C-alpha atoms as a PDB file:
ATOM      1  CA  MET A   1       0.000   0.000   0.000  1.00  0.00           C
ATOM      2  CA  ALA A   2       1.272   3.421  -0.908  1.00  0.00           C
ATOM      3  CA  ASP A   3       2.215   6.035   1.661  1.00  0.00           C
ATOM      4  CA  ARG A   4       0.249   9.261   1.153  1.00  0.00           C
ATOM      5  CA  SER A   5       2.901  11.397   2.809  1.00  0.00           C
ATOM      6  CA  ARG A   6       5.302  10.961  -0.077  1.00  0.00           C
ATOM      7  CA  TRP A   7       3.102  13.159  -2.283  1.00  0.00           C
ATOM      8  CA  ALA A   8       3.128  16.138   0.084  1.00  0.00           C
ATOM      9  CA  CYS A   9       6.497  17.727  -0.679  1.00  0.00           C
ATOM     10  CA  ARG A  10       6.531  18.504  -4.400  1.00  0.00           C
ATOM     11  CA  TRP A  11       3.443  20.666  -4.746  1.00  0.00           C
ATOM     12  CA  ARG A  12       2.046  22.244  -1.614  1.00  0.00           C
ATOM     13  CA  GLY A  13      -1.229  20.418  -1.191  1.00  0.00           C
ATOM     14  CA  ILE A  14      -0.849  18.606  -4.495  1.00  0.00           C
ATOM     15  CA  ILE A  15       2.007  16.265  -5.188  1.00  0.00           C
ATOM     16  CA  GLY A  16       5.238  15.219  -3.636  1.00  0.00           C
ATOM     17  CA  GLY A  17       8.552  13.594  -4.085  1.00  0.00           C
ATOM     18  CA  ALA A  18       9.678  11.672  -1.021  1.00  0.00           C
ATOM     19  CA  SER A  19      11.288   8.342  -1.792  1.00  0.00           C
ATOM     20  CA  HIS A  20       9.319   5.126  -1.375  1.00  0.00           C
ATOM     21  CA  SER A  21      10.110   1.826   0.218  1.00  0.00           C
ATOM     22  CA  GLY A  22      10.825  -1.158  -2.010  1.00  0.00           C
ATOM     23  CA  ASN A  23      10.866  -0.817  -5.765  1.00  0.00           C
ATOM     24  CA  ARG A  24       7.419   0.703  -6.240  1.00  0.00           C
ATOM     25  CA  ARG A  25       7.803   3.854  -8.294  1.00  0.00           C
ATOM     26  CA  PHE A  26       5.267   6.396  -9.379  1.00  0.00           C
ATOM     27  CA  PRO A  27       4.901   8.485 -12.440  1.00  0.00           C
ATOM     28  CA  GLY A  28       4.476  11.606 -13.984  1.00  0.00           C
ATOM     29  CA  GLY A  29       6.499  11.461 -16.871  1.00  0.00           C
ATOM     30  CA  LEU A  30       7.340  11.843 -20.496  1.00  0.00           C
ATOM     31  CA  GLY A  31       8.736   9.961 -23.410  1.00  0.00           C
ATOM     32  CA  ARG A  32       9.138  11.206 -26.936  1.00  0.00           C
ATOM     33  CA  ALA A  33       6.691  13.805 -28.199  1.00  0.00           C
ATOM     34  CA  SER A  34       4.442  12.743 -31.010  1.00  0.00           C
ATOM     35  CA  GLY A  35       4.114  14.906 -34.051  1.00  0.00           C
ATOM     36  CA  GLY A  36       1.019  15.506 -36.100  1.00  0.00           C
ATOM     37  CA  ASN A  37      -1.965  17.712 -35.609  1.00  0.00           C
ATOM     38  CA  ARG A  38      -1.913  19.199 -32.112  1.00  0.00           C
ATOM     39  CA  ARG A  39      -5.618  19.879 -32.331  1.00  0.00           C
ATOM     40  CA  ALA A  40      -6.424  16.261 -33.078  1.00  0.00           C
ATOM     41  CA  ARG A  41      -9.240  15.012 -30.889  1.00  0.00           C
ATOM     42  CA  LEU A  42      -9.219  11.621 -29.193  1.00  0.00           C
ATOM     43  CA  LEU A  43     -10.906   9.763 -32.038  1.00  0.00           C
ATOM     44  CA  ASP A  44      -8.315   7.090 -32.884  1.00  0.00           C
ATOM     45  CA  SER A  45      -9.494   3.521 -33.388  1.00  0.00           C
ATOM     46  CA  ASP A  46      -6.243   1.842 -32.361  1.00  0.00           C
ATOM     47  CA  ILE A  47      -7.059  -0.228 -29.246  1.00  0.00           C
ATOM     48  CA  ARG A  48      -4.230  -2.253 -27.755  1.00  0.00           C
ATOM     49  CA  ASN A  49      -3.797  -4.607 -24.829  1.00  0.00           C
ATOM     50  CA  ILE A  50      -1.957  -2.985 -21.951  1.00  0.00           C
ATOM     51  CA  VAL A  51       0.552  -4.918 -19.854  1.00  0.00           C
ATOM     52  CA  CYS A  52       1.193  -3.064 -16.613  1.00  0.00           C
ATOM     53  CA  SER A  53       4.657  -2.492 -15.216  1.00  0.00           C
ATOM     54  CA  ASP A  54       5.958  -0.104 -12.620  1.00  0.00           C
ATOM     55  CA  PRO A  55       5.830   3.476 -13.884  1.00  0.00           C
ATOM     56  CA  ILE A  56       8.758   5.800 -13.427  1.00  0.00           C
ATOM     57  CA  ASN A  57       9.000   8.050 -10.412  1.00  0.00           C
ATOM     58  CA  THR A  58       9.492  11.625 -11.574  1.00  0.00           C
ATOM     59  CA  TRP A  59       8.784  13.457  -8.335  1.00  0.00           C
ATOM     60  CA  ASN A  60      11.882  12.648  -6.245  1.00  0.00           C
ATOM     61  CA  GLU A  61      14.066  15.595  -7.148  1.00  0.00           C
ATOM     62  CA  MET A  62      11.475  18.368  -7.210  1.00  0.00           C
ATOM     63  CA  GLU A  63      11.690  21.491  -5.084  1.00  0.00           C
ATOM     64  CA  PRO A  64       8.732  22.558  -2.905  1.00  0.00           C
ATOM     65  CA  MET A  65       6.289  24.852  -4.686  1.00  0.00           C
ATOM     66  CA  PRO A  66       4.378  27.865  -3.342  1.00  0.00           C
ATOM     67  CA  GLU A  67       1.032  27.304  -1.638  1.00  0.00           C
ATOM     68  CA  ARG A  68      -2.094  27.234  -3.792  1.00  0.00           C
ATOM     69  CA  ARG A  69      -0.260  27.152  -7.058  1.00  0.00           C
ATOM     70  CA  LYS A  70      -2.815  26.837  -9.833  1.00  0.00           C
ATOM     71  CA  LEU A  71      -3.770  23.306 -10.889  1.00  0.00           C
ATOM     72  CA  ILE A  72      -5.131  22.768 -14.391  1.00  0.00           C
ATOM     73  CA  ALA A  73      -6.740  19.322 -14.526  1.00  0.00           C
ATOM     74  CA  GLY A  74      -8.193  17.644 -17.597  1.00  0.00           C
ATOM     75  CA  ASN A  75     -11.014  15.122 -17.224  1.00  0.00           C
ATOM     76  CA  TRP A  76     -11.094  13.145 -20.462  1.00  0.00           C
ATOM     77  CA  LYS A  77     -14.226  11.272 -19.328  1.00  0.00           C
ATOM     78  CA  MET A  78     -15.120   8.331 -21.640  1.00  0.00           C
ATOM     79  CA  ASN A  79     -13.076   9.622 -24.548  1.00  0.00           C
ATOM     80  CA  GLY A  80      -9.912   8.418 -26.184  1.00  0.00           C
ATOM     81  CA  LEU A  81      -8.338   5.371 -27.735  1.00  0.00           C
ATOM     82  CA  HIS A  82      -4.700   4.401 -27.531  1.00  0.00           C
ATOM     83  CA  ALA A  83      -2.884   6.287 -30.286  1.00  0.00           C
ATOM     84  CA  ALA A  84      -4.776   9.569 -30.025  1.00  0.00           C
ATOM     85  CA  GLY A  85      -4.610   9.522 -26.233  1.00  0.00           C
ATOM     86  CA  LEU A  86      -0.848   9.133 -26.292  1.00  0.00           C
ATOM     87  CA  GLU A  87      -0.570  11.879 -28.902  1.00  0.00           C
ATOM     88  CA  LEU A  88      -2.511  14.315 -26.739  1.00  0.00           C
ATOM     89  CA  ALA A  89      -0.597  13.467 -23.553  1.00  0.00           C
ATOM     90  CA  THR A  90       2.842  13.632 -25.148  1.00  0.00           C
ATOM     91  CA  ASP A  91       1.925  16.894 -26.892  1.00  0.00           C
ATOM     92  CA  LEU A  92       1.070  18.462 -23.534  1.00  0.00           C
ATOM     93  CA  SER A  93       4.156  17.076 -21.834  1.00  0.00           C
ATOM     94  CA  LYS A  94       6.339  18.404 -24.653  1.00  0.00           C
ATOM     95  CA  ARG A  95       4.822  21.853 -24.238  1.00  0.00           C
ATOM     96  CA  LEU A  96       5.465  21.735 -20.490  1.00  0.00           C
ATOM     97  CA  ALA A  97       9.067  20.747 -21.054  1.00  0.00           C
ATOM     98  CA  ALA A  98       9.584  23.508 -23.611  1.00  0.00           C
ATOM     99  CA  ALA A  99       7.903  26.137 -21.412  1.00  0.00           C
ATOM    100  CA  GLY A 100      10.337  25.669 -18.542  1.00  0.00           C
ATOM    101  CA  THR A 101       9.154  27.431 -15.392  1.00  0.00           C
ATOM    102  CA  VAL A 102       5.393  27.946 -15.436  1.00  0.00           C
ATOM    103  CA  GLY A 103       2.888  29.244 -12.916  1.00  0.00           C
ATOM    104  CA  PHE A 104       0.672  26.169 -12.874  1.00  0.00           C
ATOM    105  CA  ASP A 105       0.650  22.414 -12.384  1.00  0.00           C
ATOM    106  CA  MET A 106      -0.991  20.222 -15.025  1.00  0.00           C
ATOM    107  CA  LEU A 107      -2.912  16.974 -14.650  1.00  0.00           C
ATOM    108  CA  VAL A 108      -4.672  14.692 -17.115  1.00  0.00           C
ATOM    109  CA  CYS A 109      -7.242  12.075 -16.103  1.00  0.00           C
ATOM    110  CA  PRO A 110      -7.676   9.626 -18.979  1.00  0.00           C
ATOM    111  CA  PRO A 111     -10.114   6.706 -19.035  1.00  0.00           C
ATOM    112  CA  ALA A 112      -8.867   3.629 -17.179  1.00  0.00           C
ATOM    113  CA  THR A 113      -7.684   1.889 -20.352  1.00  0.00           C
ATOM    114  CA  LEU A 114      -5.218   4.702 -21.031  1.00  0.00           C
ATOM    115  CA  ILE A 115      -3.834   5.439 -17.569  1.00  0.00           C
ATOM    116  CA  HIS A 116      -0.798   3.172 -17.707  1.00  0.00           C
ATOM    117  CA  PRO A 117       0.302   3.926 -21.282  1.00  0.00           C
ATOM    118  CA  VAL A 118      -0.189   7.659 -20.732  1.00  0.00           C
ATOM    119  CA  ALA A 119       1.807   7.532 -17.474  1.00  0.00           C
ATOM    120  CA  GLN A 120       4.634   5.762 -19.287  1.00  0.00           C
ATOM    121  CA  ALA A 121       4.475   8.078 -22.298  1.00  0.00           C
ATOM    122  CA  VAL A 122       4.831  11.231 -20.189  1.00  0.00           C
ATOM    123  CA  ALA A 123       7.507   9.880 -17.862  1.00  0.00           C
ATOM    124  CA  GLY A 124      10.072  12.603 -17.182  1.00  0.00           C
ATOM    125  CA  THR A 125       7.997  15.804 -17.153  1.00  0.00           C
ATOM    126  CA  PRO A 126       5.784  17.489 -14.554  1.00  0.00           C
ATOM    127  CA  LEU A 127       2.578  16.299 -16.272  1.00  0.00           C
ATOM    128  CA  ALA A 128       0.677  14.306 -13.639  1.00  0.00           C
ATOM    129  CA  VAL A 129      -1.800  11.506 -14.312  1.00  0.00           C
ATOM    130  CA  GLY A 130      -5.019  10.727 -12.446  1.00  0.00           C
ATOM    131  CA  GLY A 131      -8.031   8.423 -12.486  1.00  0.00           C
ATOM    132  CA  GLN A 132     -11.671   9.379 -12.849  1.00  0.00           C
ATOM    133  CA  ASP A 133     -13.120   7.258 -10.031  1.00  0.00           C
ATOM    134  CA  CYS A 134     -12.222   4.524  -7.560  1.00  0.00           C
ATOM    135  CA  HIS A 135     -13.954   1.908  -5.432  1.00  0.00           C
ATOM    136  CA  VAL A 136     -14.041   2.143  -1.654  1.00  0.00           C
ATOM    137  CA  LYS A 137     -12.398  -1.283  -1.287  1.00  0.00           C
ATOM    138  CA  PRO A 138      -8.794  -2.101  -2.205  1.00  0.00           C
ATOM    139  CA  SER A 139      -9.805  -5.393  -3.871  1.00  0.00           C
ATOM    140  CA  GLY A 140     -12.612  -7.910  -4.039  1.00  0.00           C
ATOM    141  CA  ALA A 141     -15.601  -9.148  -6.039  1.00  0.00           C
ATOM    142  CA  HIS A 142     -16.573  -5.826  -7.604  1.00  0.00           C
ATOM    143  CA  THR A 143     -17.003  -6.474 -11.307  1.00  0.00           C
ATOM    144  CA  GLY A 144     -16.180  -3.501 -13.487  1.00  0.00           C
ATOM    145  CA  ASP A 145     -14.743  -1.379 -10.684  1.00  0.00           C
ATOM    146  CA  ILE A 146     -11.190  -0.177 -10.116  1.00  0.00           C
ATOM    147  CA  SER A 147      -9.526   0.316  -6.750  1.00  0.00           C
ATOM    148  CA  ALA A 148      -7.373   3.204  -5.632  1.00  0.00           C
ATOM    149  CA  ALA A 149      -4.438   0.808  -5.228  1.00  0.00           C
ATOM    150  CA  MET A 150      -4.861  -0.266  -8.859  1.00  0.00           C
ATOM    151  CA  LEU A 151      -4.807   3.379  -9.960  1.00  0.00           C
ATOM    152  CA  VAL A 152      -1.551   3.928  -8.077  1.00  0.00           C
ATOM    153  CA  ASP A 153      -0.090   0.764  -9.611  1.00  0.00           C
ATOM    154  CA  ALA A 154      -1.058   2.013 -13.093  1.00  0.00           C
ATOM    155  CA  GLY A 155       0.678   5.339 -12.529  1.00  0.00           C
ATOM    156  CA  CYS A 156      -1.829   7.724 -10.939  1.00  0.00           C
ATOM    157  CA  ALA A 157      -1.128  10.416  -8.388  1.00  0.00           C
ATOM    158  CA  PHE A 158      -4.706  11.788  -8.285  1.00  0.00           C
ATOM    159  CA  VAL A 159      -8.264  10.549  -8.580  1.00  0.00           C
ATOM    160  CA  ILE A 160     -11.518  12.406  -9.171  1.00  0.00           C
ATOM    161  CA  VAL A 161     -14.356  11.410  -6.846  1.00  0.00           C
ATOM    162  CA  GLY A 162     -17.937  12.631  -6.613  1.00  0.00           C
ATOM    163  CA  HIS A 163     -18.181  14.095 -10.101  1.00  0.00           C
ATOM    164  CA  SER A 164     -21.764  15.133 -10.821  1.00  0.00           C
ATOM    165  CA  GLU A 165     -21.989  12.545 -13.596  1.00  0.00           C
ATOM    166  CA  ARG A 166     -21.209   9.867 -11.021  1.00  0.00           C
ATOM    167  CA  ARG A 167     -23.609  11.368  -8.499  1.00  0.00           C
ATOM    168  CA  GLN A 168     -26.424  11.600 -11.056  1.00  0.00           C
ATOM    169  CA  ASN A 169     -25.823   8.563 -13.272  1.00  0.00           C
ATOM    170  CA  HIS A 170     -24.685   6.140 -10.574  1.00  0.00           C
ATOM    171  CA  GLY A 171     -26.608   7.399  -7.549  1.00  0.00           C
ATOM    172  CA  GLU A 172     -23.518   8.316  -5.535  1.00  0.00           C
ATOM    173  CA  ASP A 173     -24.202  10.322  -2.374  1.00  0.00           C
ATOM    174  CA  ASP A 174     -21.922  12.315  -0.096  1.00  0.00           C
ATOM    175  CA  ALA A 175     -21.221   9.357   2.200  1.00  0.00           C
ATOM    176  CA  LEU A 176     -20.035   7.213  -0.691  1.00  0.00           C
ATOM    177  CA  VAL A 177     -17.922  10.061  -2.069  1.00  0.00           C
ATOM    178  CA  ALA A 178     -16.293  10.497   1.349  1.00  0.00           C
ATOM    179  CA  ALA A 179     -15.577   6.762   1.507  1.00  0.00           C
ATOM    180  CA  LYS A 180     -13.983   6.870  -1.949  1.00  0.00           C
ATOM    181  CA  ALA A 181     -11.864   9.856  -0.954  1.00  0.00           C
ATOM    182  CA  ALA A 182     -10.753   8.003   2.179  1.00  0.00           C
ATOM    183  CA  ALA A 183      -9.815   4.984   0.047  1.00  0.00           C
ATOM    184  CA  ALA A 184      -7.851   7.264  -2.258  1.00  0.00           C
ATOM    185  CA  HIS A 185      -5.972   8.771   0.678  1.00  0.00           C
ATOM    186  CA  ALA A 186      -5.190   5.329   2.090  1.00  0.00           C
ATOM    187  CA  ALA A 187      -3.663   4.305  -1.242  1.00  0.00           C
ATOM    188  CA  GLY A 188      -1.537   7.446  -1.468  1.00  0.00           C
ATOM    189  CA  LEU A 189      -3.659   9.328  -3.995  1.00  0.00           C
ATOM    190  CA  ILE A 190      -4.751  12.946  -3.906  1.00  0.00           C
ATOM    191  CA  ALA A 191      -8.553  13.074  -4.093  1.00  0.00           C
ATOM    192  CA  ILE A 192     -10.248  15.751  -6.183  1.00  0.00           C
ATOM    193  CA  ILE A 193     -13.671  15.962  -4.524  1.00  0.00           C
ATOM    194  CA  CYS A 194     -16.332  17.429  -6.800  1.00  0.00           C
ATOM    195  CA  VAL A 195     -19.341  19.433  -5.638  1.00  0.00           C
ATOM    196  CA  GLY A 196     -21.949  21.547  -7.389  1.00  0.00           C
ATOM    197  CA  GLU A 197     -25.616  22.491  -7.575  1.00  0.00           C
ATOM    198  CA  THR A 198     -28.202  21.825 -10.265  1.00  0.00           C
ATOM    199  CA  LEU A 199     -29.953  24.606 -12.180  1.00  0.00           C
ATOM    200  CA  GLU A 200     -33.131  24.032 -10.172  1.00  0.00           C
ATOM    201  CA  GLN A 201     -31.239  24.399  -6.914  1.00  0.00           C
ATOM    202  CA  ARG A 202     -29.554  27.587  -8.071  1.00  0.00           C
ATOM    203  CA  GLU A 203     -32.801  29.131  -9.268  1.00  0.00           C
ATOM    204  CA  ALA A 204     -34.356  28.248  -5.901  1.00  0.00           C
ATOM    205  CA  GLY A 205     -31.596  30.151  -4.109  1.00  0.00           C
ATOM    206  CA  GLN A 206     -30.144  26.948  -2.634  1.00  0.00           C
ATOM    207  CA  ALA A 207     -26.737  26.905  -4.324  1.00  0.00           C
ATOM    208  CA  LEU A 208     -24.638  27.864  -1.307  1.00  0.00           C
ATOM    209  CA  ASP A 209     -26.455  25.508   1.054  1.00  0.00           C
ATOM    210  CA  VAL A 210     -26.243  22.597  -1.386  1.00  0.00           C
ATOM    211  CA  VAL A 211     -22.550  23.067  -2.058  1.00  0.00           C
ATOM    212  CA  ALA A 212     -21.723  23.534   1.629  1.00  0.00           C
ATOM    213  CA  SER A 213     -23.639  20.357   2.482  1.00  0.00           C
ATOM    214  CA  GLN A 214     -21.786  18.401  -0.199  1.00  0.00           C
ATOM    215  CA  VAL A 215     -18.417  19.702   0.969  1.00  0.00           C
ATOM    216  CA  ALA A 216     -19.170  18.846   4.597  1.00  0.00           C
ATOM    217  CA  GLY A 217     -20.520  15.398   3.740  1.00  0.00           C
ATOM    218  CA  SER A 218     -17.910  14.395   1.158  1.00  0.00           C
ATOM    219  CA  ILE A 219     -14.685  15.121   3.050  1.00  0.00           C
ATOM    220  CA  PRO A 220     -13.282  12.164   5.039  1.00  0.00           C
ATOM    221  CA  SER A 221     -11.930  12.635   8.520  1.00  0.00           C
ATOM    222  CA  ARG A 222      -8.241  12.520   7.608  1.00  0.00           C
ATOM    223  CA  ALA A 223      -8.404  14.959   4.723  1.00  0.00           C
ATOM    224  CA  ASP A 224      -5.926  17.813   4.604  1.00  0.00           C
ATOM    225  CA  ALA A 225      -4.391  20.224   2.126  1.00  0.00           C
ATOM    226  CA  ALA A 226      -1.777  17.647   1.131  1.00  0.00           C
ATOM    227  CA  ASN A 227      -4.226  14.961   0.021  1.00  0.00           C
ATOM    228  CA  THR A 228      -7.367  16.818  -1.034  1.00  0.00           C
ATOM    229  CA  VAL A 229      -8.479  19.227  -3.742  1.00  0.00           C
ATOM    230  CA  ILE A 230     -12.046  20.554  -4.045  1.00  0.00           C
ATOM    231  CA  ALA A 231     -13.606  21.147  -7.463  1.00  0.00           C
ATOM    232  CA  TYR A 232     -16.730  23.299  -7.715  1.00  0.00           C
ATOM    233  CA  GLU A 233     -18.638  22.410 -10.874  1.00  0.00           C
ATOM    234  CA  PRO A 234     -22.167  23.792 -11.182  1.00  0.00           C
ATOM    235  CA  VAL A 235     -24.040  20.910 -12.783  1.00  0.00           C
ATOM    236  CA  TRP A 236     -25.899  23.215 -15.146  1.00  0.00           C
ATOM    237  CA  ALA A 237     -22.608  24.490 -16.608  1.00  0.00           C
ATOM    238  CA  ILE A 238     -20.952  21.135 -17.347  1.00  0.00           C
ATOM    239  CA  GLY A 239     -20.785  20.534 -21.079  1.00  0.00           C
ATOM    240  CA  THR A 240     -23.561  23.049 -21.791  1.00  0.00           C
ATOM    241  CA  GLY A 241     -21.490  26.006 -22.909  1.00  0.00           C
ATOM    242  CA  LYS A 242     -22.934  27.993 -20.000  1.00  0.00           C
ATOM    243  CA  THR A 243     -20.498  29.399 -17.465  1.00  0.00           C
ATOM    244  CA  ALA A 244     -21.192  30.847 -14.035  1.00  0.00           C
ATOM    245  CA  THR A 245     -20.471  34.562 -13.743  1.00  0.00           C
ATOM    246  CA  SER A 246     -17.319  35.671 -11.971  1.00  0.00           C
ATOM    247  CA  ALA A 247     -19.471  36.989  -9.133  1.00  0.00           C
ATOM    248  CA  ASP A 248     -21.241  33.636  -8.781  1.00  0.00           C
ATOM    249  CA  VAL A 249     -17.937  31.769  -8.783  1.00  0.00           C
ATOM    250  CA  ALA A 250     -16.404  34.134  -6.237  1.00  0.00           C
ATOM    251  CA  GLU A 251     -19.379  33.736  -3.904  1.00  0.00           C
ATOM    252  CA  VAL A 252     -19.388  29.940  -4.030  1.00  0.00           C
ATOM    253  CA  HIS A 253     -15.609  29.532  -3.763  1.00  0.00           C
ATOM    254  CA  ALA A 254     -15.476  31.833  -0.735  1.00  0.00           C
ATOM    255  CA  HIS A 255     -18.314  29.818   0.808  1.00  0.00           C
ATOM    256  CA  VAL A 256     -16.460  26.560   0.123  1.00  0.00           C
ATOM    257  CA  ARG A 257     -13.333  27.984   1.761  1.00  0.00           C
ATOM    258  CA  ALA A 258     -15.353  28.977   4.829  1.00  0.00           C
ATOM    259  CA  THR A 259     -16.999  25.544   4.945  1.00  0.00           C
ATOM    260  CA  LEU A 260     -13.597  23.841   4.964  1.00  0.00           C
ATOM    261  CA  ALA A 261     -12.656  25.541   8.234  1.00  0.00           C
ATOM    262  CA  GLY A 262     -12.816  23.025  11.036  1.00  0.00           C
ATOM    263  CA  ARG A 263     -13.364  20.139   8.632  1.00  0.00           C
ATOM    264  CA  ILE A 264      -9.954  19.810   7.018  1.00  0.00           C
ATOM    265  CA  GLY A 265      -6.375  20.445   8.015  1.00  0.00           C
ATOM    266  CA  ASP A 266      -4.956  23.799   6.856  1.00  0.00           C
ATOM    267  CA  PRO A 267      -8.091  24.921   4.977  1.00  0.00           C
ATOM    268  CA  ASP A 268      -6.450  28.056   3.581  1.00  0.00           C
ATOM    269  CA  ALA A 269      -3.951  25.870   1.700  1.00  0.00           C
ATOM    270  CA  VAL A 270      -6.570  23.651   0.035  1.00  0.00           C
ATOM    271  CA  ARG A 271      -6.917  24.214  -3.697  1.00  0.00           C
ATOM    272  CA  ILE A 272     -10.419  24.901  -4.956  1.00  0.00           C
ATOM    273  CA  LEU A 273     -10.850  24.412  -8.691  1.00  0.00           C
ATOM    274  CA  TYR A 274     -13.635  25.716 -10.907  1.00  0.00           C
ATOM    275  CA  GLY A 275     -15.164  23.517 -13.589  1.00  0.00           C
ATOM    276  CA  GLY A 276     -17.994  24.001 -16.044  1.00  0.00           C
ATOM    277  CA  SER A 277     -17.420  24.936 -19.700  1.00  0.00           C
ATOM    278  CA  VAL A 278     -13.977  26.404 -19.012  1.00  0.00           C
ATOM    279  CA  LYS A 279     -12.274  27.390 -22.269  1.00  0.00           C
ATOM    280  CA  PRO A 280      -9.431  29.665 -23.383  1.00  0.00           C
ATOM    281  CA  SER A 281     -11.798  32.582 -23.984  1.00  0.00           C
ATOM    282  CA  ASN A 282     -13.064  32.700 -20.367  1.00  0.00           C
ATOM    283  CA  ALA A 283     -10.188  31.111 -18.435  1.00  0.00           C
ATOM    284  CA  ALA A 284      -8.275  34.307 -17.643  1.00  0.00           C
ATOM    285  CA  GLU A 285     -11.329  35.927 -16.051  1.00  0.00           C
ATOM    286  CA  LEU A 286     -12.168  32.799 -14.050  1.00  0.00           C
ATOM    287  CA  MET A 287      -8.596  32.192 -12.878  1.00  0.00           C
ATOM    288  CA  ALA A 288      -8.427  35.768 -11.568  1.00  0.00           C
ATOM    289  CA  VAL A 289     -11.335  35.212  -9.160  1.00  0.00           C
ATOM    290  CA  ASP A 290     -10.471  35.030  -5.455  1.00  0.00           C
ATOM    291  CA  HIS A 291     -10.209  31.457  -4.131  1.00  0.00           C
ATOM    292  CA  VAL A 292     -10.100  29.985  -7.640  1.00  0.00           C
ATOM    293  CA  ASP A 293      -6.958  27.880  -7.617  1.00  0.00           C
ATOM    294  CA  GLY A 294      -7.240  26.268 -11.017  1.00  0.00           C
ATOM    295  CA  ALA A 295      -9.699  24.495 -13.259  1.00  0.00           C
ATOM    296  CA  LEU A 296     -11.190  21.053 -13.809  1.00  0.00           C
ATOM    297  CA  VAL A 297     -11.660  20.990 -17.564  1.00  0.00           C
ATOM    298  CA  GLY A 298     -13.821  18.599 -19.567  1.00  0.00           C
ATOM    299  CA  GLY A 299     -14.286  18.961 -23.315  1.00  0.00           C
ATOM    300  CA  ALA A 300     -11.546  21.539 -23.812  1.00  0.00           C
ATOM    301  CA  SER A 301      -9.008  19.144 -22.287  1.00  0.00           C
ATOM    302  CA  LEU A 302      -9.382  16.886 -25.344  1.00  0.00           C
ATOM    303  CA  ILE A 303      -7.803  19.526 -27.590  1.00  0.00           C
ATOM    304  CA  ALA A 304      -4.158  20.288 -26.869  1.00  0.00           C
ATOM    305  CA  ASP A 305      -4.301  23.904 -28.045  1.00  0.00           C
ATOM    306  CA  ASP A 306      -7.392  24.656 -25.963  1.00  0.00           C
ATOM    307  CA  PHE A 307      -6.180  22.941 -22.806  1.00  0.00           C
ATOM    308  CA  TRP A 308      -2.780  24.595 -23.084  1.00  0.00           C
ATOM    309  CA  GLY A 309      -4.470  27.929 -23.757  1.00  0.00           C
ATOM    310  CA  ILE A 310      -6.384  27.602 -20.481  1.00  0.00           C
ATOM    311  CA  ALA A 311      -3.195  26.756 -18.596  1.00  0.00           C
ATOM    312  CA  GLU A 312      -1.295  29.668 -20.119  1.00  0.00           C
ATOM    313  CA  THR A 313      -3.689  32.146 -18.496  1.00  0.00           C
ATOM    314  CA  CYS A 314      -1.971  31.129 -15.222  1.00  0.00           C
ATOM    315  CA  ARG A 315       1.615  31.754 -16.405  1.00  0.00           C
END
């Protein structure tokens, strides 16, 4: 089982580089950069069998980063086959390498079939890899599920839990989300806990209460700034092209920050991301909002130019 504490020293509240026991090594990394169209979407039909091996640890030599450094995270959802997924990931890692010092950290969360090959392909750069969900148990008779330990073994440093699509489509409630986050922490992963209100709840004036309740109910007891990120994604803005106003985002993020007090270690150091139709044209305005510490990006993360354009607003 992985030791969570090793992730605490590279990025304050995000990722770390302490050495591990044994020969288990964890990723980040980069191989060669693929050429071709950088705007190519994940539409490739090349599906290959993946044989897992230990990924390469790229976090050991990193210096500590400032608190609440922006995190730009891409949620690929159920998109991407082998060749196009590797092209996108290596394109991003090449851009990171060429950019040198930047003012953000970058994360991609591919579908489970791509986690290991993407982690291997980006070995050697600061591009981090995460999963999109995990089971509460480390192993067992849970057909179709994936455990946090399996995500770590495949090369993940993060996992998204409680995304609205999981809450709505799979009936996940706050208690289950908290249990998944606890499982992620136990395996050494950083949990990105998602919260957000529906359009009906916002129009009824319930947005702040709903989000505060989700935050309070979804955070496990041992959460802290080193193992937890919060992502506010208004459900009505996900994939719709609609974006919350800067004033709306500021109000909710400040409320989330206040809700964290007393429920999580070092609440002022916890990163709070905004998600919901984030794109290059609105990213600069959103990233300038108080208590917005990055973005959880859906559709735009499937296009290298768009995802990089969002990240560059934080440089």
